[in-house]
Amino acid sequence: MVYGKQKVSYGIDGIELLEKAEGLEPGSLALTRVLNDEDLRKIRLLKLKNAVKHVTKEEMPDGKKSDSSEDDVS
């Protein structure tokens, strides 16, 4: 990479998670509306939940069972 150049991203990372959470068909959200702060916050929370889901196990290291309750993002 040359000094002063930046990597440009043309997509929104995690928008497919927001589409799935809102029950929209894939690819339609980016075409139909401008995302606001609330949408970006939802994407951030959904990405975090998705990452945590892959990391956590049924039983925590201290021997306690993990709480598998789902929080509502909307």
N, C-alpha and C. Protein backbone atom coordinates (compact mmCIF):
# COMPACT_ATOMS: atom_id res chain seq x y z
N MET A 1 0.85 -1.17 0.00
CA MET A 1 0.00 0.00 0.00
C MET A 1 0.90 1.24 0.00
N VAL A 2 0.55 2.19 -0.79
CA VAL A 2 1.32 3.42 -0.94
C VAL A 2 0.84 4.43 0.10
N TYR A 3 1.75 5.26 0.60
CA TYR A 3 1.40 6.27 1.58
C TYR A 3 0.29 7.18 1.04
N GLY A 4 -0.73 7.41 1.85
CA GLY A 4 -1.82 8.29 1.46
C GLY A 4 -2.99 7.58 0.81
N LYS A 5 -2.80 6.35 0.39
CA LYS A 5 -3.90 5.61 -0.23
C LYS A 5 -4.67 4.87 0.86
N GLN A 6 -5.97 4.74 0.63
CA GLN A 6 -6.83 4.04 1.57
C GLN A 6 -7.57 2.93 0.86
N LYS A 7 -7.88 1.90 1.61
CA LYS A 7 -8.69 0.82 1.07
C LYS A 7 -10.14 1.26 1.09
N VAL A 8 -10.81 1.17 -0.05
CA VAL A 8 -12.19 1.60 -0.18
C VAL A 8 -13.09 0.37 -0.17
N SER A 9 -14.13 0.44 0.64
CA SER A 9 -15.10 -0.63 0.73
C SER A 9 -16.41 -0.15 0.10
N TYR A 10 -16.98 -0.96 -0.77
CA TYR A 10 -18.21 -0.57 -1.46
C TYR A 10 -19.46 -1.18 -0.83
N GLY A 11 -19.28 -2.10 0.09
CA GLY A 11 -20.41 -2.73 0.74
C GLY A 11 -20.45 -2.35 2.21
N ILE A 12 -21.51 -2.75 2.87
CA ILE A 12 -21.65 -2.51 4.30
C ILE A 12 -21.52 -3.86 5.00
N ASP A 13 -20.49 -3.98 5.80
CA ASP A 13 -20.22 -5.23 6.49
C ASP A 13 -21.31 -5.50 7.52
N GLY A 14 -22.02 -6.61 7.39
CA GLY A 14 -23.05 -6.98 8.33
C GLY A 14 -24.46 -6.63 7.91
N ILE A 15 -24.62 -6.02 6.74
CA ILE A 15 -25.98 -5.63 6.32
C ILE A 15 -26.87 -6.84 6.10
N GLU A 16 -26.29 -7.98 5.77
CA GLU A 16 -27.09 -9.18 5.58
C GLU A 16 -27.70 -9.64 6.91
N LEU A 17 -27.02 -9.37 8.03
CA LEU A 17 -27.57 -9.71 9.34
C LEU A 17 -28.79 -8.84 9.66
N LEU A 18 -28.72 -7.57 9.31
CA LEU A 18 -29.85 -6.67 9.53
C LEU A 18 -31.03 -7.05 8.65
N GLU A 19 -30.75 -7.43 7.40
CA GLU A 19 -31.82 -7.86 6.50
C GLU A 19 -32.52 -9.10 7.05
N LYS A 20 -31.72 -10.03 7.56
CA LYS A 20 -32.29 -11.27 8.12
C LYS A 20 -33.11 -10.96 9.37
N ALA A 21 -32.62 -10.06 10.23
CA ALA A 21 -33.33 -9.71 11.46
C ALA A 21 -34.64 -8.99 11.18
N GLU A 22 -34.68 -8.22 10.12
CA GLU A 22 -35.89 -7.47 9.78
C GLU A 22 -36.80 -8.21 8.82
N GLY A 23 -36.39 -9.41 8.38
CA GLY A 23 -37.23 -10.22 7.51
C GLY A 23 -37.30 -9.74 6.08
N LEU A 24 -36.25 -9.07 5.61
CA LEU A 24 -36.23 -8.57 4.24
C LEU A 24 -35.46 -9.54 3.35
N GLU A 25 -35.71 -9.46 2.05
CA GLU A 25 -34.98 -10.32 1.13
C GLU A 25 -33.56 -9.78 0.94
N PRO A 26 -32.60 -10.66 0.73
CA PRO A 26 -31.19 -10.24 0.61
C PRO A 26 -30.97 -9.24 -0.52
N GLY A 27 -30.22 -8.20 -0.23
CA GLY A 27 -29.88 -7.19 -1.22
C GLY A 27 -30.85 -6.05 -1.34
N SER A 28 -32.00 -6.14 -0.69
CA SER A 28 -33.01 -5.10 -0.86
C SER A 28 -32.81 -3.91 0.08
N LEU A 29 -32.20 -4.12 1.22
CA LEU A 29 -32.08 -3.06 2.22
C LEU A 29 -31.18 -1.93 1.75
N ALA A 30 -30.05 -2.26 1.17
CA ALA A 30 -29.10 -1.24 0.72
C ALA A 30 -29.66 -0.43 -0.45
N LEU A 31 -30.59 -1.00 -1.18
CA LEU A 31 -31.16 -0.31 -2.33
C LEU A 31 -32.37 0.55 -1.97
N THR A 32 -33.03 0.26 -0.87
CA THR A 32 -34.30 0.92 -0.58
C THR A 32 -34.22 2.05 0.43
N ARG A 33 -33.20 2.07 1.29
CA ARG A 33 -33.16 3.14 2.29
C ARG A 33 -31.73 3.47 2.70
N VAL A 34 -31.59 4.66 3.24
CA VAL A 34 -30.30 5.10 3.77
C VAL A 34 -30.25 4.67 5.23
N LEU A 35 -29.16 4.02 5.60
CA LEU A 35 -29.04 3.54 6.97
C LEU A 35 -28.75 4.69 7.92
N ASN A 36 -29.46 4.71 9.04
CA ASN A 36 -29.23 5.74 10.04
C ASN A 36 -28.43 5.17 11.21
N ASP A 37 -28.24 5.96 12.25
CA ASP A 37 -27.45 5.53 13.40
C ASP A 37 -28.06 4.31 14.08
N GLU A 38 -29.38 4.27 14.15
CA GLU A 38 -30.06 3.13 14.78
C GLU A 38 -29.79 1.84 14.00
N ASP A 39 -29.83 1.91 12.68
CA ASP A 39 -29.54 0.73 11.85
C ASP A 39 -28.11 0.26 12.04
N LEU A 40 -27.18 1.20 12.08
CA LEU A 40 -25.77 0.84 12.26
C LEU A 40 -25.53 0.25 13.65
N ARG A 41 -26.26 0.75 14.65
CA ARG A 41 -26.16 0.18 16.00
C ARG A 41 -26.68 -1.25 16.01
N LYS A 42 -27.79 -1.50 15.31
CA LYS A 42 -28.34 -2.85 15.22
C LYS A 42 -27.36 -3.79 14.53
N ILE A 43 -26.73 -3.32 13.47
CA ILE A 43 -25.74 -4.14 12.76
C ILE A 43 -24.59 -4.49 13.69
N ARG A 44 -24.12 -3.51 14.45
CA ARG A 44 -23.01 -3.74 15.38
C ARG A 44 -23.40 -4.79 16.43
N LEU A 45 -24.62 -4.69 16.98
CA LEU A 45 -25.08 -5.67 17.97
C LEU A 45 -25.26 -7.05 17.36
N LEU A 46 -25.81 -7.12 16.16
CA LEU A 46 -26.00 -8.41 15.50
C LEU A 46 -24.67 -9.08 15.18
N LYS A 47 -23.68 -8.29 14.76
CA LYS A 47 -22.36 -8.85 14.49
C LYS A 47 -21.73 -9.37 15.78
N LEU A 48 -21.91 -8.65 16.87
CA LEU A 48 -21.37 -9.07 18.16
C LEU A 48 -22.04 -10.36 18.62
N LYS A 49 -23.36 -10.43 18.50
CA LYS A 49 -24.08 -11.65 18.88
C LYS A 49 -23.64 -12.83 18.03
N ASN A 50 -23.45 -12.60 16.74
CA ASN A 50 -23.03 -13.66 15.84
C ASN A 50 -21.64 -14.16 16.22
N ALA A 51 -20.75 -13.26 16.58
CA ALA A 51 -19.40 -13.64 16.97
C ALA A 51 -19.40 -14.39 18.30
N VAL A 52 -20.21 -13.93 19.24
CA VAL A 52 -20.29 -14.58 20.55
C VAL A 52 -20.89 -15.96 20.43
N LYS A 53 -21.85 -16.12 19.53
CA LYS A 53 -22.49 -17.41 19.34
C LYS A 53 -21.47 -18.47 18.91
N HIS A 54 -20.46 -18.07 18.13
CA HIS A 54 -19.46 -19.02 17.67
C HIS A 54 -18.41 -19.30 18.74
N VAL A 55 -18.27 -18.43 19.70
CA VAL A 55 -17.22 -18.57 20.71
C VAL A 55 -17.70 -19.31 21.94
N THR A 56 -18.89 -19.00 22.41
CA THR A 56 -19.37 -19.57 23.67
C THR A 56 -19.78 -21.03 23.50
N LYS A 57 -19.70 -21.73 24.57
CA LYS A 57 -20.11 -23.15 24.61
C LYS A 57 -21.28 -23.27 25.56
N GLU A 58 -21.83 -24.46 25.65
CA GLU A 58 -22.97 -24.69 26.53
C GLU A 58 -22.58 -24.50 28.00
N GLU A 59 -21.36 -24.86 28.36
CA GLU A 59 -20.93 -24.73 29.74
C GLU A 59 -19.76 -23.75 29.81
N MET A 60 -19.83 -22.83 30.75
CA MET A 60 -18.79 -21.83 30.93
C MET A 60 -17.59 -22.49 31.63
N PRO A 61 -16.38 -21.87 31.55
CA PRO A 61 -15.18 -22.45 32.17
C PRO A 61 -15.28 -22.64 33.68
N ASP A 62 -16.08 -21.82 34.37
CA ASP A 62 -16.19 -21.95 35.83
C ASP A 62 -17.19 -23.02 36.25
N GLY A 63 -17.74 -23.76 35.30
CA GLY A 63 -18.64 -24.86 35.61
C GLY A 63 -20.10 -24.49 35.59
N LYS A 64 -20.44 -23.22 35.46
CA LYS A 64 -21.83 -22.79 35.43
C LYS A 64 -22.38 -22.95 34.02
N LYS A 65 -23.67 -23.18 33.94
CA LYS A 65 -24.33 -23.26 32.63
C LYS A 65 -24.50 -21.86 32.08
N SER A 66 -24.33 -21.71 30.76
CA SER A 66 -24.50 -20.40 30.15
C SER A 66 -25.97 -20.09 29.98
N ASP A 67 -26.32 -18.81 30.07
CA ASP A 67 -27.70 -18.37 29.87
C ASP A 67 -27.91 -18.20 28.37
N SER A 68 -28.78 -19.00 27.78
CA SER A 68 -28.96 -18.98 26.34
C SER A 68 -30.14 -18.13 25.91
N SER A 69 -30.57 -17.18 26.76
CA SER A 69 -31.71 -16.34 26.39
C SER A 69 -31.27 -15.33 25.34
N GLU A 70 -32.15 -15.12 24.35
CA GLU A 70 -31.89 -14.19 23.26
C GLU A 70 -32.47 -12.82 23.59
N ASP A 71 -31.70 -11.75 23.41
CA ASP A 71 -32.21 -10.41 23.60
C ASP A 71 -32.77 -9.90 22.29
N ASP A 72 -33.82 -9.10 22.35
CA ASP A 72 -34.41 -8.53 21.15
C ASP A 72 -33.60 -7.31 20.74
N VAL A 73 -33.17 -7.25 19.48
CA VAL A 73 -32.34 -6.16 18.98
C VAL A 73 -33.18 -4.96 18.60
N SER A 74 -34.40 -5.21 18.15
CA SER A 74 -35.23 -4.10 17.66
C SER A 74 -35.82 -3.28 18.72
